[in-house]
Amino acid sequence: MAESPKIELFVKASVDAESVGNCPFSQRLFMILWLKGANFTLTTVDMKSYTLFAVLLQGPCCAEGSGSGLSAPFLIFNDEVKTDTNKIEEFLEEKLAQPEYPKLCCRYKESNGAGDDIFRKFSGYIKNPNSGINNMLETKFLSTLVVCKQYRDFDIPKELKGLTRYLDNAYKQDQFRYTCPNASEILIAYHSVAKYLNK
């Protein structure tokens, strides 16, 4: 059996600089590694002191404004730094492959972008104070639920039983529940852009 790779995942830290912050990309990579059953080290990165952290990690070329592209989340896999979230997912699927690790990638490439439209519509919805713009929002992301509840007093309608069941099942999984940021982190992240609904 081959030696296990040394994997370090760096994710955005919460405002307390210790727990996992509000970053869906960080949560996704955290969940992938957990679901794969890989041994890895998780490090939260305080974005307030991030420039210093980047310089210590890779030298002065990573200082803010240098165009290095290094930002949380990023991964170090056997001393190789990976910074592009989508490429990290592909890389992990290739390196942590069957039979030793489960296959997690989608069967159909189109499935990878299924949540993009929902998140794009959510962003427009939560920034717009007019009530008539979107009457129905089908949610997929934890942040969508938390922010919509706070700023729109919106819960998933009971008629959407499939969506409710999907989310209930997600919360029963340790890999989802323990990689989620606290609701307060999500609200802090959206505080400056979300608008309360004008009625």
N, C-alpha and C. Protein backbone atom coordinates (compact mmCIF):
# COMPACT_ATOMS: atom_id res chain seq x y z
N MET A 1 0.84 -1.18 0.00
CA MET A 1 0.00 0.00 0.00
C MET A 1 0.89 1.24 0.00
N ALA A 2 0.53 2.21 -0.81
CA ALA A 2 1.30 3.45 -0.93
C ALA A 2 1.19 4.27 0.35
N GLU A 3 2.21 5.08 0.57
CA GLU A 3 2.21 5.95 1.74
C GLU A 3 1.13 7.01 1.59
N SER A 4 0.43 7.31 2.67
CA SER A 4 -0.63 8.33 2.63
C SER A 4 -0.04 9.69 2.33
N PRO A 5 -0.72 10.49 1.51
CA PRO A 5 -0.22 11.82 1.20
C PRO A 5 -0.34 12.75 2.41
N LYS A 6 0.53 13.75 2.44
CA LYS A 6 0.44 14.78 3.48
C LYS A 6 -0.45 15.88 2.91
N ILE A 7 -1.60 16.08 3.54
CA ILE A 7 -2.59 17.03 3.03
C ILE A 7 -2.87 18.08 4.10
N GLU A 8 -2.78 19.34 3.70
CA GLU A 8 -3.13 20.45 4.58
C GLU A 8 -4.14 21.33 3.85
N LEU A 9 -5.27 21.58 4.48
CA LEU A 9 -6.29 22.45 3.91
C LEU A 9 -6.36 23.72 4.74
N PHE A 10 -6.26 24.85 4.07
CA PHE A 10 -6.33 26.16 4.71
C PHE A 10 -7.65 26.81 4.31
N VAL A 11 -8.47 27.13 5.31
CA VAL A 11 -9.79 27.70 5.04
C VAL A 11 -9.93 29.05 5.75
N LYS A 12 -10.88 29.83 5.27
CA LYS A 12 -11.15 31.14 5.86
C LYS A 12 -11.63 30.95 7.29
N ALA A 13 -11.05 31.71 8.20
CA ALA A 13 -11.44 31.63 9.61
C ALA A 13 -12.66 32.51 9.89
N SER A 14 -13.34 32.21 10.97
CA SER A 14 -14.46 33.02 11.42
C SER A 14 -13.92 34.30 12.05
N VAL A 15 -14.81 35.17 12.50
CA VAL A 15 -14.37 36.42 13.12
C VAL A 15 -13.58 36.17 14.39
N ASP A 16 -13.77 35.02 15.04
CA ASP A 16 -12.98 34.72 16.23
C ASP A 16 -11.59 34.20 15.86
N ALA A 17 -11.33 34.07 14.55
CA ALA A 17 -10.03 33.65 13.99
C ALA A 17 -9.68 32.20 14.32
N GLU A 18 -10.64 31.42 14.80
CA GLU A 18 -10.35 30.03 15.15
C GLU A 18 -11.26 29.03 14.45
N SER A 19 -12.57 29.27 14.47
CA SER A 19 -13.48 28.33 13.82
C SER A 19 -13.55 28.59 12.32
N VAL A 20 -14.26 27.71 11.63
CA VAL A 20 -14.41 27.82 10.19
C VAL A 20 -15.32 29.00 9.88
N GLY A 21 -14.90 29.85 8.95
CA GLY A 21 -15.66 31.03 8.57
C GLY A 21 -16.67 30.76 7.48
N ASN A 22 -17.35 31.81 7.07
CA ASN A 22 -18.38 31.71 6.03
C ASN A 22 -17.73 31.73 4.66
N CYS A 23 -17.49 30.56 4.11
CA CYS A 23 -16.93 30.43 2.76
C CYS A 23 -17.40 29.10 2.20
N PRO A 24 -18.36 29.12 1.27
CA PRO A 24 -18.86 27.86 0.72
C PRO A 24 -17.78 27.02 0.06
N PHE A 25 -16.76 27.68 -0.51
CA PHE A 25 -15.68 26.94 -1.17
C PHE A 25 -14.84 26.19 -0.14
N SER A 26 -14.57 26.85 0.99
CA SER A 26 -13.83 26.20 2.07
C SER A 26 -14.62 25.01 2.60
N GLN A 27 -15.92 25.23 2.84
CA GLN A 27 -16.75 24.15 3.36
C GLN A 27 -16.77 22.97 2.40
N ARG A 28 -16.86 23.25 1.10
CA ARG A 28 -16.93 22.18 0.10
C ARG A 28 -15.66 21.32 0.12
N LEU A 29 -14.49 21.98 0.14
CA LEU A 29 -13.23 21.23 0.15
C LEU A 29 -13.07 20.45 1.46
N PHE A 30 -13.46 21.05 2.57
CA PHE A 30 -13.43 20.39 3.87
C PHE A 30 -14.29 19.13 3.82
N MET A 31 -15.51 19.25 3.27
CA MET A 31 -16.41 18.09 3.18
C MET A 31 -15.85 17.02 2.26
N ILE A 32 -15.25 17.42 1.14
CA ILE A 32 -14.70 16.44 0.19
C ILE A 32 -13.62 15.60 0.87
N LEU A 33 -12.69 16.27 1.55
CA LEU A 33 -11.62 15.52 2.23
C LEU A 33 -12.19 14.60 3.30
N TRP A 34 -13.17 15.08 4.04
CA TRP A 34 -13.78 14.26 5.09
C TRP A 34 -14.50 13.06 4.48
N LEU A 35 -15.29 13.31 3.43
CA LEU A 35 -16.02 12.21 2.79
C LEU A 35 -15.09 11.19 2.14
N LYS A 36 -13.95 11.66 1.65
CA LYS A 36 -12.96 10.75 1.07
C LYS A 36 -12.32 9.88 2.14
N GLY A 37 -12.38 10.34 3.39
CA GLY A 37 -11.75 9.59 4.47
C GLY A 37 -10.25 9.81 4.53
N ALA A 38 -9.79 10.91 3.94
CA ALA A 38 -8.36 11.21 3.91
C ALA A 38 -7.90 11.78 5.25
N ASN A 39 -6.66 11.51 5.60
CA ASN A 39 -6.05 12.16 6.76
C ASN A 39 -5.55 13.51 6.30
N PHE A 40 -5.97 14.57 6.99
CA PHE A 40 -5.55 15.92 6.60
C PHE A 40 -5.54 16.83 7.81
N THR A 41 -4.81 17.91 7.67
CA THR A 41 -4.75 18.94 8.69
C THR A 41 -5.56 20.12 8.21
N LEU A 42 -6.42 20.65 9.07
CA LEU A 42 -7.24 21.81 8.74
C LEU A 42 -6.70 23.01 9.50
N THR A 43 -6.44 24.09 8.78
CA THR A 43 -5.95 25.32 9.39
C THR A 43 -6.87 26.45 9.00
N THR A 44 -7.37 27.18 9.99
CA THR A 44 -8.19 28.35 9.68
C THR A 44 -7.26 29.55 9.52
N VAL A 45 -7.55 30.37 8.51
CA VAL A 45 -6.71 31.52 8.19
C VAL A 45 -7.49 32.80 8.51
N ASP A 46 -6.95 33.58 9.42
CA ASP A 46 -7.54 34.87 9.77
C ASP A 46 -7.25 35.83 8.64
N MET A 47 -8.28 36.24 7.92
CA MET A 47 -8.08 37.07 6.73
C MET A 47 -7.57 38.47 7.08
N LYS A 48 -7.71 38.89 8.35
CA LYS A 48 -7.19 40.20 8.74
C LYS A 48 -5.66 40.21 8.74
N SER A 49 -5.05 39.08 9.04
CA SER A 49 -3.59 39.00 9.04
C SER A 49 -3.11 38.09 7.91
N TYR A 50 -3.93 37.98 6.88
CA TYR A 50 -3.68 37.05 5.79
C TYR A 50 -2.42 37.38 4.99
N THR A 51 -2.16 38.66 4.71
CA THR A 51 -1.00 39.02 3.90
C THR A 51 0.28 38.52 4.55
N LEU A 52 0.41 38.70 5.84
CA LEU A 52 1.58 38.21 6.56
C LEU A 52 1.67 36.69 6.44
N PHE A 53 0.53 36.02 6.59
CA PHE A 53 0.48 34.56 6.48
C PHE A 53 0.96 34.11 5.10
N ALA A 54 0.48 34.77 4.04
CA ALA A 54 0.85 34.40 2.68
C ALA A 54 2.34 34.61 2.44
N VAL A 55 2.88 35.69 2.96
CA VAL A 55 4.31 35.96 2.80
C VAL A 55 5.13 34.89 3.51
N LEU A 56 4.71 34.50 4.71
CA LEU A 56 5.43 33.45 5.44
C LEU A 56 5.35 32.12 4.71
N LEU A 57 4.21 31.85 4.06
CA LEU A 57 4.02 30.58 3.38
C LEU A 57 4.84 30.48 2.10
N GLN A 58 4.78 31.53 1.26
CA GLN A 58 5.42 31.42 -0.05
C GLN A 58 6.38 32.55 -0.38
N GLY A 59 6.65 33.43 0.54
CA GLY A 59 7.59 34.50 0.27
C GLY A 59 6.89 35.78 -0.14
N PRO A 60 7.66 36.86 -0.35
CA PRO A 60 7.10 38.18 -0.64
C PRO A 60 6.23 38.24 -1.90
N CYS A 61 6.38 37.29 -2.82
CA CYS A 61 5.57 37.32 -4.04
C CYS A 61 4.09 37.14 -3.74
N CYS A 62 3.74 36.67 -2.55
CA CYS A 62 2.34 36.43 -2.20
C CYS A 62 1.71 37.60 -1.46
N ALA A 63 2.43 38.68 -1.31
CA ALA A 63 1.87 39.82 -0.61
C ALA A 63 0.64 40.35 -1.36
N GLU A 64 -0.26 40.96 -0.61
CA GLU A 64 -1.50 41.49 -1.19
C GLU A 64 -1.18 42.42 -2.35
N GLY A 65 -1.93 42.28 -3.43
CA GLY A 65 -1.73 43.12 -4.60
C GLY A 65 -0.68 42.60 -5.55
N SER A 66 -0.04 41.49 -5.23
CA SER A 66 1.00 40.98 -6.11
C SER A 66 0.44 40.16 -7.26
N GLY A 67 -0.88 39.85 -7.19
CA GLY A 67 -1.49 39.05 -8.25
C GLY A 67 -1.15 37.58 -8.15
N SER A 68 -0.70 37.13 -6.99
CA SER A 68 -0.32 35.73 -6.82
C SER A 68 -1.51 34.79 -6.87
N GLY A 69 -2.70 35.29 -6.53
CA GLY A 69 -3.89 34.46 -6.55
C GLY A 69 -4.05 33.57 -5.34
N LEU A 70 -3.16 33.62 -4.38
CA LEU A 70 -3.26 32.77 -3.19
C LEU A 70 -4.30 33.36 -2.25
N SER A 71 -5.35 32.62 -2.01
CA SER A 71 -6.38 33.04 -1.07
C SER A 71 -7.03 31.79 -0.50
N ALA A 72 -7.59 31.93 0.68
CA ALA A 72 -8.26 30.79 1.30
C ALA A 72 -9.58 30.55 0.58
N PRO A 73 -9.92 29.31 0.29
CA PRO A 73 -9.20 28.10 0.66
C PRO A 73 -8.08 27.77 -0.32
N PHE A 74 -7.08 27.10 0.22
CA PHE A 74 -6.05 26.51 -0.63
C PHE A 74 -5.56 25.24 0.04
N LEU A 75 -4.84 24.45 -0.72
CA LEU A 75 -4.46 23.12 -0.29
C LEU A 75 -2.97 22.92 -0.51
N ILE A 76 -2.32 22.26 0.43
CA ILE A 76 -0.94 21.81 0.22
C ILE A 76 -1.00 20.29 0.23
N PHE A 77 -0.62 19.69 -0.88
CA PHE A 77 -0.67 18.24 -1.06
C PHE A 77 0.76 17.79 -1.31
N ASN A 78 1.37 17.13 -0.33
CA ASN A 78 2.78 16.71 -0.45
C ASN A 78 3.67 17.86 -0.91
N ASP A 79 3.58 18.99 -0.25
CA ASP A 79 4.39 20.19 -0.52
C ASP A 79 4.04 20.91 -1.82
N GLU A 80 2.99 20.51 -2.51
CA GLU A 80 2.54 21.19 -3.72
C GLU A 80 1.33 22.05 -3.37
N VAL A 81 1.42 23.37 -3.63
CA VAL A 81 0.34 24.30 -3.29
C VAL A 81 -0.68 24.35 -4.42
N LYS A 82 -1.94 24.20 -4.07
CA LYS A 82 -3.06 24.28 -5.02
C LYS A 82 -3.99 25.40 -4.55
N THR A 83 -4.33 26.32 -5.46
CA THR A 83 -5.11 27.49 -5.06
C THR A 83 -6.47 27.62 -5.74
N ASP A 84 -6.69 27.00 -6.88
CA ASP A 84 -7.96 27.13 -7.60
C ASP A 84 -8.94 26.07 -7.09
N THR A 85 -10.04 26.52 -6.50
CA THR A 85 -10.99 25.60 -5.86
C THR A 85 -11.47 24.50 -6.80
N ASN A 86 -11.89 24.87 -8.01
CA ASN A 86 -12.38 23.86 -8.95
C ASN A 86 -11.29 22.87 -9.31
N LYS A 87 -10.08 23.36 -9.51
CA LYS A 87 -8.98 22.47 -9.86
C LYS A 87 -8.57 21.61 -8.67
N ILE A 88 -8.73 22.14 -7.46
CA ILE A 88 -8.44 21.35 -6.27
C ILE A 88 -9.38 20.15 -6.21
N GLU A 89 -10.65 20.37 -6.48
CA GLU A 89 -11.62 19.27 -6.47
C GLU A 89 -11.22 18.19 -7.47
N GLU A 90 -10.88 18.60 -8.70
CA GLU A 90 -10.46 17.65 -9.73
C GLU A 90 -9.18 16.93 -9.31
N PHE A 91 -8.24 17.69 -8.75
CA PHE A 91 -6.97 17.15 -8.30
C PHE A 91 -7.19 16.08 -7.22
N LEU A 92 -8.05 16.40 -6.24
CA LEU A 92 -8.32 15.44 -5.16
C LEU A 92 -9.00 14.20 -5.70
N GLU A 93 -9.90 14.36 -6.66
CA GLU A 93 -10.58 13.20 -7.24
C GLU A 93 -9.58 12.31 -7.96
N GLU A 94 -8.58 12.93 -8.58
CA GLU A 94 -7.56 12.17 -9.30
C GLU A 94 -6.57 11.50 -8.33
N LYS A 95 -6.11 12.25 -7.33
CA LYS A 95 -5.08 11.74 -6.42
C LYS A 95 -5.64 10.81 -5.34
N LEU A 96 -6.84 11.10 -4.89
CA LEU A 96 -7.48 10.26 -3.86
C LEU A 96 -8.54 9.42 -4.56
N ALA A 97 -8.08 8.45 -5.35
CA ALA A 97 -8.95 7.69 -6.24
C ALA A 97 -9.29 6.31 -5.68
N GLN A 98 -10.22 5.67 -6.35
CA GLN A 98 -10.62 4.31 -6.02
C GLN A 98 -9.46 3.37 -6.30
N PRO A 99 -9.33 2.29 -5.64
CA PRO A 99 -10.26 1.71 -4.67
C PRO A 99 -10.04 2.19 -3.24
N GLU A 100 -8.92 2.89 -2.99
CA GLU A 100 -8.62 3.29 -1.62
C GLU A 100 -9.57 4.37 -1.10
N TYR A 101 -10.00 5.26 -1.98
CA TYR A 101 -10.88 6.37 -1.60
C TYR A 101 -12.15 6.32 -2.45
N PRO A 102 -13.29 6.73 -1.91
CA PRO A 102 -14.53 6.71 -2.70
C PRO A 102 -14.53 7.79 -3.78
N LYS A 103 -15.23 7.51 -4.87
CA LYS A 103 -15.39 8.47 -5.96
C LYS A 103 -16.51 9.43 -5.57
N LEU A 104 -16.24 10.74 -5.63
CA LEU A 104 -17.24 11.72 -5.24
C LEU A 104 -17.68 12.62 -6.39
N CYS A 105 -16.95 12.61 -7.50
CA CYS A 105 -17.30 13.54 -8.58
C CYS A 105 -18.63 13.16 -9.21
N CYS A 106 -19.26 14.14 -9.83
CA CYS A 106 -20.56 13.93 -10.48
C CYS A 106 -20.40 13.07 -11.72
N ARG A 107 -21.42 12.30 -12.00
CA ARG A 107 -21.42 11.47 -13.20
C ARG A 107 -21.50 12.35 -14.45
N TYR A 108 -22.30 13.41 -14.38
CA TYR A 108 -22.48 14.31 -15.52
C TYR A 108 -21.87 15.66 -15.21
N LYS A 109 -21.04 16.18 -16.11
CA LYS A 109 -20.36 17.46 -15.89
C LYS A 109 -21.34 18.60 -15.61
N GLU A 110 -22.53 18.56 -16.22
CA GLU A 110 -23.52 19.62 -16.04
C GLU A 110 -23.95 19.73 -14.58
N SER A 111 -23.86 18.65 -13.85
CA SER A 111 -24.27 18.65 -12.44
C SER A 111 -23.39 19.56 -11.60
N ASN A 112 -22.14 19.75 -12.00
CA ASN A 112 -21.23 20.59 -11.23
C ASN A 112 -21.73 22.02 -11.11
N GLY A 113 -22.40 22.52 -12.14
CA GLY A 113 -22.86 23.91 -12.12
C GLY A 113 -24.31 24.08 -11.68
N ALA A 114 -24.93 23.02 -11.20
CA ALA A 114 -26.36 23.08 -10.86
C ALA A 114 -26.66 24.14 -9.80
N GLY A 115 -25.79 24.32 -8.84
CA GLY A 115 -26.04 25.30 -7.79
C GLY A 115 -25.67 26.72 -8.16
N ASP A 116 -24.93 26.91 -9.26
CA ASP A 116 -24.48 28.24 -9.64
C ASP A 116 -25.64 29.21 -9.88
N ASP A 117 -26.64 28.79 -10.65
CA ASP A 117 -27.78 29.66 -10.93
C ASP A 117 -28.54 30.01 -9.66
N ILE A 118 -28.70 29.04 -8.78
CA ILE A 118 -29.41 29.28 -7.54
C ILE A 118 -28.67 30.32 -6.71
N PHE A 119 -27.36 30.17 -6.59
CA PHE A 119 -26.58 31.10 -5.78
C PHE A 119 -26.56 32.49 -6.41
N ARG A 120 -26.48 32.57 -7.74
CA ARG A 120 -26.49 33.86 -8.44
C ARG A 120 -27.83 34.56 -8.20
N LYS A 121 -28.94 33.83 -8.30
CA LYS A 121 -30.26 34.41 -8.05
C LYS A 121 -30.41 34.82 -6.59
N PHE A 122 -29.88 34.02 -5.69
CA PHE A 122 -29.92 34.36 -4.27
C PHE A 122 -29.20 35.68 -4.02
N SER A 123 -28.03 35.85 -4.61
CA SER A 123 -27.25 37.08 -4.40
C SER A 123 -28.03 38.30 -4.86
N GLY A 124 -28.66 38.21 -6.02
CA GLY A 124 -29.48 39.32 -6.51
C GLY A 124 -30.69 39.56 -5.61
N TYR A 125 -31.30 38.50 -5.16
CA TYR A 125 -32.49 38.58 -4.32
C TYR A 125 -32.20 39.27 -2.99
N ILE A 126 -31.12 38.88 -2.35
CA ILE A 126 -30.84 39.39 -1.00
C ILE A 126 -30.34 40.84 -1.03
N LYS A 127 -29.84 41.30 -2.18
CA LYS A 127 -29.36 42.68 -2.30
C LYS A 127 -30.47 43.63 -2.75
N ASN A 128 -31.64 43.12 -3.13
CA ASN A 128 -32.70 43.95 -3.67
C ASN A 128 -33.81 44.13 -2.63
N PRO A 129 -34.13 45.39 -2.25
CA PRO A 129 -35.14 45.61 -1.22
C PRO A 129 -36.58 45.56 -1.73
N ASN A 130 -36.82 45.37 -3.02
CA ASN A 130 -38.18 45.35 -3.56
C ASN A 130 -38.83 43.99 -3.38
N SER A 131 -40.06 43.99 -2.89
CA SER A 131 -40.72 42.72 -2.56
C SER A 131 -41.21 41.95 -3.78
N GLY A 132 -41.48 42.59 -4.89
CA GLY A 132 -42.07 41.91 -6.04
C GLY A 132 -41.09 41.21 -6.94
N ILE A 133 -39.79 41.33 -6.72
CA ILE A 133 -38.80 40.79 -7.64
C ILE A 133 -38.80 39.27 -7.67
N ASN A 134 -38.68 38.64 -6.53
CA ASN A 134 -38.64 37.17 -6.47
C ASN A 134 -39.62 36.69 -5.42
N ASN A 135 -40.64 35.98 -5.87
CA ASN A 135 -41.62 35.45 -4.92
C ASN A 135 -41.24 34.08 -4.41
N MET A 136 -40.40 33.40 -5.16
CA MET A 136 -40.04 32.03 -4.78
C MET A 136 -38.54 31.84 -4.92
N LEU A 137 -37.92 31.34 -3.92
CA LEU A 137 -36.49 31.08 -3.97
C LEU A 137 -36.24 29.67 -3.46
N GLU A 138 -35.79 28.83 -4.35
CA GLU A 138 -35.46 27.46 -3.94
C GLU A 138 -34.01 27.47 -3.49
N THR A 139 -33.80 27.07 -2.29
CA THR A 139 -32.46 27.20 -1.72
C THR A 139 -31.68 25.91 -1.79
N LYS A 140 -30.40 26.07 -1.82
CA LYS A 140 -29.50 24.93 -1.75
C LYS A 140 -28.44 25.15 -0.68
N PHE A 141 -28.05 26.37 -0.46
CA PHE A 141 -26.92 26.65 0.42
C PHE A 141 -27.38 27.06 1.81
N LEU A 142 -26.61 26.65 2.77
CA LEU A 142 -26.87 27.02 4.16
C LEU A 142 -26.96 28.54 4.30
N SER A 143 -26.06 29.26 3.65
CA SER A 143 -26.07 30.72 3.76
C SER A 143 -27.37 31.30 3.25
N THR A 144 -27.92 30.70 2.21
CA THR A 144 -29.19 31.17 1.67
C THR A 144 -30.28 31.07 2.74
N LEU A 145 -30.34 29.96 3.43
CA LEU A 145 -31.37 29.77 4.45
C LEU A 145 -31.22 30.76 5.59
N VAL A 146 -30.01 30.90 6.08
CA VAL A 146 -29.77 31.76 7.24
C VAL A 146 -30.05 33.23 6.90
N VAL A 147 -29.53 33.69 5.77
CA VAL A 147 -29.67 35.10 5.40
C VAL A 147 -31.12 35.42 5.03
N CYS A 148 -31.77 34.52 4.32
CA CYS A 148 -33.17 34.77 3.96
C CYS A 148 -34.06 34.80 5.19
N LYS A 149 -33.78 33.97 6.17
CA LYS A 149 -34.56 33.99 7.41
C LYS A 149 -34.38 35.33 8.12
N GLN A 150 -33.15 35.81 8.18
CA GLN A 150 -32.86 37.06 8.88
C GLN A 150 -33.44 38.27 8.16
N TYR A 151 -33.21 38.37 6.85
CA TYR A 151 -33.55 39.59 6.12
C TYR A 151 -34.91 39.54 5.42
N ARG A 152 -35.47 38.35 5.21
CA ARG A 152 -36.74 38.23 4.50
C ARG A 152 -37.80 37.47 5.29
N ASP A 153 -37.45 36.99 6.48
CA ASP A 153 -38.34 36.15 7.26
C ASP A 153 -38.88 35.01 6.39
N PHE A 154 -37.97 34.40 5.64
CA PHE A 154 -38.31 33.36 4.67
C PHE A 154 -37.85 32.01 5.17
N ASP A 155 -38.75 31.06 5.20
CA ASP A 155 -38.42 29.66 5.46
C ASP A 155 -38.82 28.86 4.23
N ILE A 156 -38.29 27.68 4.09
CA ILE A 156 -38.65 26.82 2.97
C ILE A 156 -40.12 26.43 3.14
N PRO A 157 -40.92 26.66 2.11
CA PRO A 157 -42.34 26.28 2.21
C PRO A 157 -42.49 24.78 2.45
N LYS A 158 -43.44 24.43 3.29
CA LYS A 158 -43.67 23.02 3.62
C LYS A 158 -44.04 22.19 2.40
N GLU A 159 -44.58 22.86 1.35
CA GLU A 159 -44.96 22.15 0.14
C GLU A 159 -43.75 21.58 -0.60
N LEU A 160 -42.58 22.14 -0.35
CA LEU A 160 -41.35 21.66 -1.00
C LEU A 160 -40.75 20.53 -0.17
N LYS A 161 -41.47 19.43 -0.12
CA LYS A 161 -41.09 18.30 0.73
C LYS A 161 -39.75 17.69 0.32
N GLY A 162 -39.48 17.63 -0.97
CA GLY A 162 -38.21 17.06 -1.43
C GLY A 162 -37.03 17.89 -0.97
N LEU A 163 -37.15 19.21 -1.06
CA LEU A 163 -36.07 20.09 -0.64
C LEU A 163 -35.89 20.03 0.88
N THR A 164 -37.01 20.03 1.60
CA THR A 164 -36.94 19.92 3.05
C THR A 164 -36.27 18.61 3.47
N ARG A 165 -36.66 17.51 2.84
CA ARG A 165 -36.08 16.20 3.15
C ARG A 165 -34.58 16.20 2.83
N TYR A 166 -34.21 16.79 1.68
CA TYR A 166 -32.80 16.87 1.28
C TYR A 166 -31.98 17.60 2.34
N LEU A 167 -32.47 18.74 2.80
CA LEU A 167 -31.74 19.52 3.80
C LEU A 167 -31.73 18.82 5.16
N ASP A 168 -32.84 18.20 5.54
CA ASP A 168 -32.88 17.45 6.81
C ASP A 168 -31.83 16.34 6.79
N ASN A 169 -31.75 15.63 5.67
CA ASN A 169 -30.76 14.55 5.55
C ASN A 169 -29.33 15.10 5.58
N ALA A 170 -29.12 16.27 4.97
CA ALA A 170 -27.79 16.88 4.99
C ALA A 170 -27.36 17.18 6.43
N TYR A 171 -28.28 17.73 7.22
CA TYR A 171 -27.96 18.08 8.61
C TYR A 171 -27.72 16.85 9.48
N LYS A 172 -28.18 15.69 9.05
CA LYS A 172 -27.93 14.46 9.80
C LYS A 172 -26.52 13.92 9.56
N GLN A 173 -25.85 14.42 8.54
CA GLN A 173 -24.51 13.96 8.20
C GLN A 173 -23.46 14.80 8.94
N ASP A 174 -22.61 14.14 9.69
CA ASP A 174 -21.54 14.86 10.40
C ASP A 174 -20.70 15.69 9.44
N GLN A 175 -20.43 15.15 8.25
CA GLN A 175 -19.57 15.84 7.30
C GLN A 175 -20.17 17.18 6.88
N PHE A 176 -21.46 17.30 6.85
CA PHE A 176 -22.10 18.58 6.52
C PHE A 176 -22.17 19.46 7.76
N ARG A 177 -22.72 18.91 8.83
CA ARG A 177 -22.97 19.68 10.04
C ARG A 177 -21.69 20.28 10.62
N TYR A 178 -20.62 19.51 10.67
CA TYR A 178 -19.39 19.99 11.31
C TYR A 178 -18.52 20.86 10.40
N THR A 179 -18.84 20.92 9.12
CA THR A 179 -18.07 21.81 8.23
C THR A 179 -18.78 23.13 8.01
N CYS A 180 -20.00 23.26 8.53
CA CYS A 180 -20.77 24.49 8.36
C CYS A 180 -20.25 25.59 9.28
N PRO A 181 -20.23 26.82 8.77
CA PRO A 181 -19.93 27.93 9.68
C PRO A 181 -21.13 28.18 10.59
N ASN A 182 -20.92 28.87 11.68
CA ASN A 182 -22.02 29.27 12.55
C ASN A 182 -22.92 30.25 11.80
N ALA A 183 -24.20 30.26 12.13
CA ALA A 183 -25.14 31.19 11.48
C ALA A 183 -24.68 32.64 11.65
N SER A 184 -24.10 32.96 12.80
CA SER A 184 -23.64 34.34 13.03
C SER A 184 -22.54 34.73 12.05
N GLU A 185 -21.70 33.78 11.66
CA GLU A 185 -20.66 34.04 10.66
C GLU A 185 -21.27 34.40 9.31
N ILE A 186 -22.30 33.68 8.94
CA ILE A 186 -22.97 33.93 7.66
C ILE A 186 -23.60 35.31 7.67
N LEU A 187 -24.27 35.66 8.76
CA LEU A 187 -24.91 36.97 8.83
C LEU A 187 -23.89 38.10 8.81
N ILE A 188 -22.76 37.91 9.45
CA ILE A 188 -21.70 38.93 9.40
C ILE A 188 -21.22 39.13 7.97
N ALA A 189 -21.06 38.03 7.24
CA ALA A 189 -20.57 38.12 5.87
C ALA A 189 -21.53 38.88 4.96
N TYR A 190 -22.82 38.77 5.20
CA TYR A 190 -23.82 39.41 4.34
C TYR A 190 -24.32 40.75 4.88
N HIS A 191 -23.90 41.13 6.06
CA HIS A 191 -24.41 42.33 6.71
C HIS A 191 -24.30 43.58 5.83
N SER A 192 -23.19 43.75 5.15
CA SER A 192 -22.98 44.98 4.38
C SER A 192 -23.71 45.01 3.04
N VAL A 193 -24.19 43.87 2.56
CA VAL A 193 -24.85 43.86 1.24
C VAL A 193 -26.32 43.51 1.29
N ALA A 194 -26.76 42.78 2.31
CA ALA A 194 -28.16 42.35 2.37
C ALA A 194 -29.05 43.52 2.75
N LYS A 195 -30.22 43.56 2.17
CA LYS A 195 -31.20 44.61 2.44
C LYS A 195 -32.46 43.98 3.01
N TYR A 196 -33.01 44.61 4.04
CA TYR A 196 -34.29 44.14 4.57
C TYR A 196 -35.37 44.41 3.54
N LEU A 197 -36.37 43.56 3.51
CA LEU A 197 -37.46 43.64 2.55
C LEU A 197 -38.36 44.83 2.85
N ASN A 198 -38.62 45.65 1.82
CA ASN A 198 -39.59 46.75 1.95
C ASN A 198 -40.98 46.18 1.73
N LYS A 199 -41.86 46.35 2.68
CA LYS A 199 -43.22 45.80 2.54
C LYS A 199 -44.21 46.89 2.28
